[in-house]
N, C-alpha and C. Protein backbone atom coordinates (compact mmCIF):
# COMPACT_ATOMS: atom_id res chain seq x y z
N MET A 1 13.74 22.31 4.37
CA MET A 1 13.79 23.49 5.41
C MET A 1 13.83 22.82 6.80
N ILE A 2 12.89 22.07 6.78
CA ILE A 2 12.60 21.48 8.39
C ILE A 2 13.97 20.79 8.89
N LEU A 3 14.55 20.00 7.80
CA LEU A 3 15.86 19.18 8.22
C LEU A 3 16.98 20.24 8.47
N GLU A 4 17.03 21.29 7.81
CA GLU A 4 18.10 22.27 8.04
C GLU A 4 17.86 22.93 9.28
N PHE A 5 16.63 23.22 9.48
CA PHE A 5 16.31 24.03 10.86
C PHE A 5 16.63 23.05 11.98
N TYR A 6 16.42 21.84 12.04
CA TYR A 6 16.87 21.01 13.15
C TYR A 6 18.44 20.71 13.24
N SER A 7 18.89 20.70 12.17
CA SER A 7 20.37 20.58 12.14
C SER A 7 21.12 21.68 12.70
N GLU A 8 20.71 22.94 12.48
CA GLU A 8 21.22 24.26 13.08
C GLU A 8 20.78 24.29 14.40
N ARG A 9 19.61 24.03 14.67
CA ARG A 9 19.21 24.33 16.09
C ARG A 9 19.71 23.43 17.13
N ASN A 10 20.02 22.03 16.68
CA ASN A 10 20.42 21.06 17.52
C ASN A 10 22.03 20.91 17.37
N LYS A 11 22.51 21.71 16.45
CA LYS A 11 24.11 21.62 16.35
C LYS A 11 24.39 20.23 15.95
N SER A 12 23.50 19.48 15.27
CA SER A 12 23.90 18.15 15.02
C SER A 12 22.78 17.79 13.90
N LYS A 13 23.32 16.69 13.06
CA LYS A 13 22.39 16.35 12.12
C LYS A 13 21.65 14.79 12.44
N THR A 14 21.82 14.37 13.66
CA THR A 14 21.23 13.13 14.00
C THR A 14 19.67 13.15 13.93
N TYR A 15 19.11 14.24 14.39
CA TYR A 15 17.69 14.20 14.57
C TYR A 15 17.19 14.51 13.04
N SER A 16 17.87 15.23 12.31
CA SER A 16 17.49 15.55 11.06
C SER A 16 17.47 14.18 10.20
N LYS A 17 18.44 13.41 10.36
CA LYS A 17 18.71 12.17 9.58
C LYS A 17 17.50 11.21 10.01
N LYS A 18 17.11 11.18 11.32
CA LYS A 18 15.96 10.38 11.87
C LYS A 18 14.74 10.90 11.21
N LEU A 19 14.43 12.22 11.16
CA LEU A 19 13.25 12.68 10.43
C LEU A 19 13.41 12.14 8.97
N TYR A 20 14.35 12.48 8.30
CA TYR A 20 14.43 12.09 6.88
C TYR A 20 14.08 10.67 6.51
N THR A 21 14.46 9.76 7.44
CA THR A 21 14.37 8.35 7.48
C THR A 21 12.81 8.09 7.57
N LYS A 22 12.25 8.84 8.57
CA LYS A 22 10.93 8.58 8.94
C LYS A 22 10.04 9.00 7.69
N PHE A 23 10.25 10.19 7.30
CA PHE A 23 9.75 10.58 6.05
C PHE A 23 9.61 9.88 4.95
N ASN A 24 10.82 9.20 4.75
CA ASN A 24 10.99 8.26 3.54
C ASN A 24 10.01 7.09 3.87
N GLU A 25 10.13 6.52 4.84
CA GLU A 25 9.37 5.29 5.26
C GLU A 25 7.92 5.63 4.87
N GLU A 26 7.55 6.54 5.49
CA GLU A 26 5.80 7.00 5.32
C GLU A 26 5.59 7.22 3.90
N LEU A 27 6.52 7.80 3.16
CA LEU A 27 6.31 7.89 1.74
C LEU A 27 6.10 6.65 0.90
N LEU A 28 6.93 5.71 1.19
CA LEU A 28 6.99 4.35 0.78
C LEU A 28 5.76 3.65 1.22
N LEU A 29 5.20 3.86 2.39
CA LEU A 29 3.93 3.21 2.79
C LEU A 29 2.69 3.97 2.02
N LEU A 30 2.81 5.16 1.72
CA LEU A 30 1.94 5.98 0.85
C LEU A 30 1.73 5.39 -0.67
N LEU A 31 2.90 4.80 -1.09
CA LEU A 31 2.94 4.15 -2.56
C LEU A 31 2.07 2.98 -2.41
N LYS A 32 2.29 2.24 -1.25
CA LYS A 32 1.39 1.04 -1.19
C LYS A 32 -0.20 1.26 -0.77
N GLN A 33 -0.31 2.16 0.06
CA GLN A 33 -1.73 2.47 0.74
C GLN A 33 -1.93 4.02 0.66
N PRO A 34 -2.13 4.50 -0.71
CA PRO A 34 -2.32 5.94 -0.80
C PRO A 34 -3.58 6.59 -0.11
N GLU A 35 -4.52 5.86 0.28
CA GLU A 35 -5.74 6.31 0.91
C GLU A 35 -5.59 6.35 2.44
N ILE A 36 -4.37 6.01 3.13
CA ILE A 36 -4.30 6.12 4.52
C ILE A 36 -4.49 7.44 5.22
N GLY A 37 -4.25 8.26 4.49
CA GLY A 37 -4.14 9.71 5.17
C GLY A 37 -5.72 10.17 5.58
N ILE A 38 -5.59 10.97 6.39
CA ILE A 38 -7.21 11.63 6.60
C ILE A 38 -7.57 12.50 5.55
N LYS A 39 -8.99 12.69 5.37
CA LYS A 39 -9.29 13.62 4.23
C LYS A 39 -9.37 15.00 4.99
N THR A 40 -9.05 16.03 4.02
CA THR A 40 -9.03 17.29 4.56
C THR A 40 -10.09 18.23 3.82
N GLU A 41 -10.23 19.44 4.23
CA GLU A 41 -11.44 20.18 3.53
C GLU A 41 -11.12 20.40 1.74
N LEU A 42 -9.82 20.23 1.51
CA LEU A 42 -9.76 20.26 0.14
C LEU A 42 -9.98 18.71 -0.25
N GLU A 43 -10.82 18.73 -1.36
CA GLU A 43 -11.28 17.34 -1.70
C GLU A 43 -10.26 16.33 -1.86
N ALA A 44 -9.43 16.77 -2.74
CA ALA A 44 -8.30 15.70 -3.23
C ALA A 44 -7.36 15.60 -2.38
N VAL A 45 -7.07 16.49 -1.41
CA VAL A 45 -5.87 16.40 -0.57
C VAL A 45 -6.15 15.63 0.90
N ARG A 46 -5.09 14.84 1.23
CA ARG A 46 -5.11 14.06 2.32
C ARG A 46 -4.05 14.42 3.44
N GLY A 47 -4.15 14.22 4.55
CA GLY A 47 -3.13 14.45 5.60
C GLY A 47 -2.72 13.26 6.24
N LEU A 48 -1.28 13.02 6.20
CA LEU A 48 -0.80 11.75 6.94
C LEU A 48 0.15 12.26 8.04
N ILE A 49 -0.42 11.85 9.40
CA ILE A 49 0.40 12.18 10.51
C ILE A 49 1.74 11.50 10.67
N VAL A 50 2.67 12.17 10.75
CA VAL A 50 4.11 11.44 11.07
C VAL A 50 4.85 12.27 12.26
N ASP A 51 4.54 11.61 13.28
CA ASP A 51 5.20 12.21 14.48
C ASP A 51 4.42 13.51 14.64
N GLU A 52 5.17 14.59 14.78
CA GLU A 52 4.47 15.98 15.20
C GLU A 52 4.26 16.74 13.77
N PHE A 53 4.45 15.99 12.70
CA PHE A 53 4.17 16.75 11.51
C PHE A 53 2.95 16.14 10.52
N ILE A 54 2.41 16.81 9.67
CA ILE A 54 1.44 16.46 8.85
C ILE A 54 1.88 16.48 7.55
N LEU A 55 1.94 15.37 6.94
CA LEU A 55 2.38 15.32 5.37
C LEU A 55 1.11 15.76 4.48
N PHE A 56 0.67 16.86 3.78
CA PHE A 56 -0.29 16.82 2.94
C PHE A 56 -0.03 16.55 1.64
N TYR A 57 -0.90 15.57 0.94
CA TYR A 57 -0.63 14.95 -0.26
C TYR A 57 -1.92 15.02 -0.97
N GLU A 58 -1.67 14.52 -2.26
CA GLU A 58 -2.78 14.22 -3.27
C GLU A 58 -2.48 13.10 -4.21
N VAL A 59 -3.25 12.24 -4.47
CA VAL A 59 -3.06 11.30 -5.31
C VAL A 59 -3.85 11.30 -6.53
N THR A 60 -2.99 11.03 -7.40
CA THR A 60 -3.58 11.27 -8.83
C THR A 60 -3.36 9.75 -9.46
N THR A 61 -3.87 9.65 -10.83
CA THR A 61 -3.78 8.18 -11.43
C THR A 61 -2.35 7.79 -11.57
N GLU A 62 -1.35 8.86 -11.75
CA GLU A 62 -0.02 8.58 -12.07
C GLU A 62 0.86 8.75 -11.01
N MET A 63 0.57 9.59 -9.81
CA MET A 63 1.61 9.86 -8.82
C MET A 63 0.93 10.33 -7.59
N ILE A 64 1.91 10.49 -6.70
CA ILE A 64 1.45 10.98 -5.29
C ILE A 64 2.08 12.54 -5.35
N ILE A 65 1.28 13.45 -5.16
CA ILE A 65 1.83 14.94 -4.96
C ILE A 65 1.83 15.37 -3.52
N VAL A 66 3.05 15.67 -2.84
CA VAL A 66 3.25 16.20 -1.65
C VAL A 66 3.05 17.75 -1.77
N HIS A 67 2.13 18.03 -1.10
CA HIS A 67 1.92 19.62 -1.30
C HIS A 67 2.55 20.46 -0.24
N THR A 68 2.71 19.96 1.05
CA THR A 68 3.54 20.49 1.97
C THR A 68 3.59 19.63 3.23
N LEU A 69 4.69 19.95 4.18
CA LEU A 69 5.05 19.06 5.20
C LEU A 69 4.90 20.21 6.45
N TRP A 70 3.91 19.92 7.36
CA TRP A 70 3.62 21.08 8.34
C TRP A 70 3.84 20.43 9.62
N ASP A 71 4.51 21.27 10.47
CA ASP A 71 4.88 20.99 11.88
C ASP A 71 3.58 21.41 12.52
N SER A 72 2.93 20.52 13.22
CA SER A 72 1.68 20.67 13.81
C SER A 72 1.71 21.65 15.02
N ARG A 73 2.92 21.89 15.63
CA ARG A 73 3.08 22.58 16.57
C ARG A 73 2.99 24.29 16.23
N GLN A 74 2.99 24.42 14.97
CA GLN A 74 2.83 25.90 14.38
C GLN A 74 1.39 26.25 14.58
N ASN A 75 1.03 27.50 14.46
CA ASN A 75 -0.19 28.23 14.40
C ASN A 75 -0.96 27.72 13.04
N PRO A 76 -2.06 27.00 13.19
CA PRO A 76 -2.75 26.47 12.03
C PRO A 76 -3.20 27.77 11.18
N VAL A 77 -3.39 28.87 11.49
CA VAL A 77 -3.70 29.86 10.80
C VAL A 77 -2.71 30.12 9.66
N ASP A 78 -1.50 29.91 9.96
CA ASP A 78 -0.56 30.15 8.91
C ASP A 78 -0.30 29.03 7.83
N LEU A 79 -1.17 27.84 8.02
CA LEU A 79 -1.16 26.70 7.05
C LEU A 79 -1.54 27.06 5.70
N LYS A 80 -0.83 26.91 4.80
CA LYS A 80 -1.15 27.21 3.32
C LYS A 80 -0.61 25.79 2.56
N ILE A 81 -1.50 25.34 2.00
CA ILE A 81 -1.51 24.04 1.19
C ILE A 81 -1.54 24.41 -0.18
N LYS A 82 -0.25 24.04 -0.85
CA LYS A 82 -0.27 24.75 -2.21
C LYS A 82 -0.43 23.45 -3.22
């Protein structure tokens, strides 16, 4: 949804493609160093800052689960980590 939002708002896919590449680079980094994100109030969930976004994720023995990608310019009251 974030990528679609910026494609429509900017009337171009250039920024969305840049964000997509950046998010994938950070996810690959998480595979190598899963503990680099900051701890959150939820014990198993960490947050990785990616530009103005926070990628909330959880590390299990078998995988990394991405719970949500949050635009940090939004009202934090609306944040829900699933």
